[in-house]
Amino acid sequence: DAAARVETLARFQEAALRHALRFPRARRVCYSTCSVHRRENEDVVAAVLPEAARDGWRLEPALPRWERRGLSDAFPEAEKLLRTDPALDGTDGFFVALFVRELS
């Protein structure tokens, strides 16, 4: 069923994002999906962010001029996320989170 597929994808996406954030010299990681589902978007970022923050990662606003931001009830920094709305933007689903860290 569709809900089970979204959950399976979200678990994979969490693992893939965690893997990308482990590269020791990485300074920027862009997490994006072509999904409208909160579980694949804001929920993945919210699940990974505490661990990422311990390693020096933070969220930066993705395309700050874009009007539609992450779902505000997802977590406090959701306004830094970008999402599209197919009904309003004439697009498919699209979501972006930009992780940044300073290396010494």
Protein backbone atom coordinates (compact mmCIF):
# COMPACT_ATOMS: atom_id res chain seq x y z
CA ASP A 1 0.00 0.00 0.00
CA ALA A 2 1.01 3.64 -0.48
CA ALA A 3 1.63 4.44 3.20
CA ALA A 4 3.97 1.47 3.57
CA ARG A 5 5.88 2.52 0.45
CA VAL A 6 6.32 6.08 1.76
CA GLU A 7 7.57 4.70 5.09
CA THR A 8 10.05 2.40 3.35
CA LEU A 9 11.33 5.28 1.21
CA ALA A 10 11.62 7.57 4.23
CA ARG A 11 13.72 5.04 6.14
CA PHE A 12 16.02 4.65 3.14
CA GLN A 13 16.25 8.45 2.76
CA GLU A 14 17.19 8.86 6.44
CA ALA A 15 19.97 6.30 6.03
CA ALA A 16 21.21 7.92 2.80
CA LEU A 17 21.23 11.39 4.38
CA ARG A 18 23.08 10.15 7.47
CA HIS A 19 25.63 8.50 5.19
CA ALA A 20 26.17 11.70 3.17
CA LEU A 21 26.67 13.74 6.35
CA ARG A 22 29.45 11.38 7.50
CA PHE A 23 31.92 12.36 4.77
CA PRO A 24 34.64 14.09 6.78
CA ARG A 25 35.46 16.82 4.27
CA ALA A 26 31.90 17.57 3.17
CA ARG A 27 30.86 21.15 3.83
CA ARG A 28 27.44 21.27 2.14
CA VAL A 29 24.86 18.54 1.64
CA CYS A 30 21.64 19.21 -0.20
CA TYR A 31 18.84 16.79 0.65
CA SER A 32 16.02 16.90 -1.89
CA THR A 33 13.05 14.80 -2.89
CA CYS A 34 10.36 14.87 -5.53
CA SER A 35 7.73 14.19 -2.89
CA VAL A 36 4.89 16.06 -1.22
CA HIS A 37 4.89 13.73 1.79
CA ARG A 38 5.97 15.19 5.13
CA ARG A 39 7.30 11.76 6.16
CA GLU A 40 9.85 11.87 3.31
CA ASN A 41 10.64 15.54 3.75
CA GLU A 42 10.44 17.41 7.06
CA ASP A 43 10.30 14.23 9.13
CA VAL A 44 13.53 12.89 7.58
CA VAL A 45 15.33 16.18 8.27
CA ALA A 46 13.95 16.36 11.82
CA ALA A 47 15.09 12.78 12.52
CA VAL A 48 18.64 13.38 11.26
CA LEU A 49 19.23 16.95 12.47
CA PRO A 50 20.07 16.32 16.17
CA GLU A 51 22.81 13.83 15.27
CA ALA A 52 24.04 16.05 12.44
CA ALA A 53 24.20 19.09 14.74
CA ARG A 54 26.52 17.19 17.09
CA ASP A 55 28.89 16.84 14.13
CA GLY A 56 28.76 20.56 13.34
CA TRP A 57 26.02 20.57 10.70
CA ARG A 58 23.31 23.23 10.65
CA LEU A 59 20.47 24.08 8.31
CA GLU A 60 20.77 27.10 6.03
CA PRO A 61 17.80 28.55 4.14
CA ALA A 62 17.37 26.76 0.81
CA LEU A 63 16.53 29.23 -1.98
CA PRO A 64 15.46 31.93 0.49
CA ARG A 65 13.37 33.85 -2.06
CA TRP A 66 11.06 30.88 -2.64
CA GLU A 67 7.73 31.61 -0.98
CA ARG A 68 6.72 28.17 0.26
CA ARG A 69 8.78 26.87 3.16
CA GLY A 70 8.79 23.68 5.19
CA LEU A 71 5.73 22.74 7.22
CA SER A 72 5.94 24.98 10.28
CA ASP A 73 4.53 22.39 12.68
CA ALA A 74 7.26 19.86 11.81
CA PHE A 75 10.09 21.37 13.89
CA PRO A 76 11.43 24.83 14.83
CA GLU A 77 13.76 25.32 11.84
CA ALA A 78 11.30 24.23 9.15
CA GLU A 79 11.22 27.76 7.72
CA LYS A 80 14.72 27.07 6.33
CA LEU A 81 13.35 24.26 4.16
CA LEU A 82 11.83 24.65 0.70
CA ARG A 83 8.85 22.81 -0.67
CA THR A 84 6.57 23.17 -3.65
CA ASP A 85 2.83 22.75 -3.79
CA PRO A 86 1.67 21.10 -7.02
CA ALA A 87 -1.69 22.90 -6.87
CA LEU A 88 -0.08 26.34 -6.49
CA ASP A 89 3.21 25.98 -8.35
CA GLY A 90 2.29 23.87 -11.37
CA THR A 91 4.97 21.36 -10.36
CA ASP A 92 5.27 17.88 -9.01
CA GLY A 93 6.31 17.57 -5.41
CA PHE A 94 9.72 19.04 -4.63
CA PHE A 95 11.55 19.57 -1.33
CA VAL A 96 15.02 20.87 -0.39
CA ALA A 97 17.01 21.03 2.85
CA LEU A 98 20.53 22.50 2.85
CA PHE A 99 22.95 21.26 5.51
CA VAL A 100 26.14 23.31 6.00
CA ARG A 101 29.14 23.01 8.31
CA GLU A 102 32.37 24.88 8.78
CA LEU A 103 35.56 22.83 8.68
CA SER A 104 38.60 23.98 10.59
